């Protein structure tokens, strides 16, 4: 079968978007989210003297944070994200939020709260589960 012939299956049943549309879609997604490897890489460079350019926020409850969290993260449960609480961070600070993993929407709730406060925010997709799946250690 040549490349010009298309087999209809679960993947090809719906045609791919035009390249310009795909570029807009995937670029937009990267404005909202990052992943565990990118966070790990940015935090690793911080350890050699550079700043990561964001505050890594674990939005889970303090007891879960104490059991294990990403190195360099601060614990700000999403319910506590108020103007007063976030005032310790300069306006314009980028926040990267995460929770337990793909089965948890706490990071989304934190991102909504931060966005409502006018703060730049991205979600680290995968959360703690993704972090560990990538082979990275947790801090305690």
Protein backbone atom coordinates (compact mmCIF):
# COMPACT_ATOMS: atom_id res chain seq x y z
CA UNK A 1 0.00 0.00 0.00
CA UNK A 2 1.41 3.40 -0.92
CA UNK A 3 1.56 6.42 1.37
CA UNK A 4 -1.18 8.06 -0.67
CA UNK A 5 -3.61 5.23 0.10
CA UNK A 6 -5.28 5.45 3.47
CA UNK A 7 -6.55 2.56 5.50
CA UNK A 8 -9.61 3.49 7.50
CA UNK A 9 -9.16 2.54 11.13
CA UNK A 10 -9.60 4.08 14.57
CA UNK A 11 -6.72 6.50 13.95
CA UNK A 12 -7.45 7.53 10.39
CA UNK A 13 -11.25 7.63 10.54
CA UNK A 14 -11.07 11.34 11.36
CA UNK A 15 -8.54 13.24 9.28
CA UNK A 16 -5.71 15.12 10.98
CA UNK A 17 -6.11 18.86 11.38
CA UNK A 18 -4.45 21.21 8.96
CA UNK A 19 -0.85 21.91 9.97
CA UNK A 20 -1.63 25.54 10.88
CA UNK A 21 -4.50 24.40 13.12
CA UNK A 22 -2.33 21.72 14.72
CA UNK A 23 0.42 24.28 15.37
CA UNK A 24 -2.05 26.63 17.07
CA UNK A 25 -3.58 23.81 19.13
CA UNK A 26 -0.35 22.25 20.39
CA UNK A 27 1.33 25.61 20.99
CA UNK A 28 -1.67 26.67 23.05
CA UNK A 29 -1.48 23.47 25.13
CA UNK A 30 2.17 24.22 25.96
CA UNK A 31 1.08 27.62 27.28
CA UNK A 32 -1.09 25.81 29.84
CA UNK A 33 0.95 22.78 30.79
CA UNK A 34 4.40 21.35 31.21
CA UNK A 35 5.53 17.84 32.04
CA UNK A 36 7.56 16.07 34.69
CA UNK A 37 10.75 15.83 32.65
CA UNK A 38 10.72 19.55 31.81
CA UNK A 39 10.19 20.45 35.48
CA UNK A 40 12.93 18.04 36.55
CA UNK A 41 15.32 19.53 34.01
CA UNK A 42 14.55 23.11 35.08
CA UNK A 43 14.93 22.27 38.78
CA UNK A 44 18.18 20.38 38.08
CA UNK A 45 19.69 23.47 36.49
CA UNK A 46 18.56 25.45 39.53
CA UNK A 47 20.76 23.19 41.63
CA UNK A 48 23.79 24.32 39.60
CA UNK A 49 23.16 27.97 40.39
CA UNK A 50 20.43 28.96 37.96
CA UNK A 51 16.86 29.89 38.83
CA UNK A 52 14.11 27.74 37.33
CA UNK A 53 11.96 30.78 36.46
CA UNK A 54 8.90 29.51 38.34
CA UNK A 55 7.61 28.47 41.75
CA UNK A 56 6.75 24.78 41.92
CA UNK A 57 3.57 24.33 43.97
CA UNK A 58 2.23 21.11 45.45
CA UNK A 59 -1.49 21.78 45.91
CA UNK A 60 -2.18 18.66 48.02
CA UNK A 61 -2.91 18.56 51.74
CA UNK A 62 0.06 19.14 54.09
CA UNK A 63 0.07 15.53 55.33
CA UNK A 64 0.45 14.25 51.75
CA UNK A 65 3.17 16.81 51.05
CA UNK A 66 5.03 15.59 54.16
CA UNK A 67 4.85 11.99 52.93
CA UNK A 68 6.67 12.93 49.74
CA UNK A 69 6.81 15.83 47.29
CA UNK A 70 8.86 17.08 44.39
CA UNK A 71 12.22 18.52 45.44
CA UNK A 72 12.04 22.31 45.58
CA UNK A 73 8.26 22.44 45.79
CA UNK A 74 6.31 24.56 48.23
CA UNK A 75 3.05 23.34 49.70
CA UNK A 76 0.10 25.63 49.06
CA UNK A 77 -3.13 23.63 49.10
CA UNK A 78 -5.43 24.98 46.40
CA UNK A 79 -8.10 25.96 48.95
CA UNK A 80 -5.60 28.31 50.63
CA UNK A 81 -4.64 30.24 47.50
CA UNK A 82 -5.91 33.67 48.42
CA UNK A 83 -4.69 37.14 47.49
CA UNK A 84 -3.21 37.44 51.00
CA UNK A 85 -1.43 34.08 50.85
CA UNK A 86 0.00 34.67 47.39
CA UNK A 87 1.15 38.21 48.20
CA UNK A 88 4.53 36.83 49.30
CA UNK A 89 5.31 36.20 45.63
CA UNK A 90 5.93 39.11 43.25
CA UNK A 91 3.29 39.79 40.61
CA UNK A 92 4.29 38.09 37.39
CA UNK A 93 5.74 35.03 39.16
CA UNK A 94 5.02 31.93 37.12
CA UNK A 95 3.54 29.09 39.17
CA UNK A 96 3.72 25.44 38.14
CA UNK A 97 1.11 23.45 40.03
CA UNK A 98 0.82 19.71 40.52
CA UNK A 99 -1.18 17.22 42.56
CA UNK A 100 -1.20 13.44 42.99
CA UNK A 101 -1.51 12.50 39.34
CA UNK A 102 -3.82 12.12 36.38
CA UNK A 103 -6.61 10.84 38.62
CA UNK A 104 -6.58 14.09 40.63
CA UNK A 105 -7.96 17.50 39.64
CA UNK A 106 -6.34 19.46 42.46
CA UNK A 107 -3.80 21.01 40.09
CA UNK A 108 -6.65 22.24 37.88
CA UNK A 109 -8.36 23.75 40.93
CA UNK A 110 -5.12 25.45 41.94
CA UNK A 111 -4.58 26.75 38.42
CA UNK A 112 -8.10 28.20 38.38
CA UNK A 113 -7.54 29.95 41.71
CA UNK A 114 -4.21 31.40 40.58
CA UNK A 115 -5.63 32.54 37.25
CA UNK A 116 -8.51 34.24 39.08
CA UNK A 117 -5.89 36.11 41.09
CA UNK A 118 -4.25 37.25 37.86
CA UNK A 119 -1.22 35.00 38.34
CA UNK A 120 0.53 33.19 35.47
CA UNK A 121 0.20 29.43 35.92
CA UNK A 122 0.91 26.12 34.23
CA UNK A 123 -0.03 22.61 35.28
CA UNK A 124 2.61 19.91 35.52
CA UNK A 125 0.79 17.02 33.87
CA UNK A 126 1.30 13.65 35.51
CA UNK A 127 1.67 14.97 39.05
CA UNK A 128 3.49 12.90 41.66
CA UNK A 129 2.59 9.70 39.81
CA UNK A 130 4.15 10.95 36.58
CA UNK A 131 7.21 12.20 38.46
CA UNK A 132 7.82 8.77 39.94
CA UNK A 133 7.00 7.02 36.65
CA UNK A 134 9.81 9.07 35.09
CA UNK A 135 12.18 7.65 37.73
CA UNK A 136 12.58 10.80 39.83
CA UNK A 137 12.82 10.70 43.62
CA UNK A 138 10.54 12.48 46.06
CA UNK A 139 11.75 14.70 48.88
CA UNK A 140 10.49 14.10 52.39
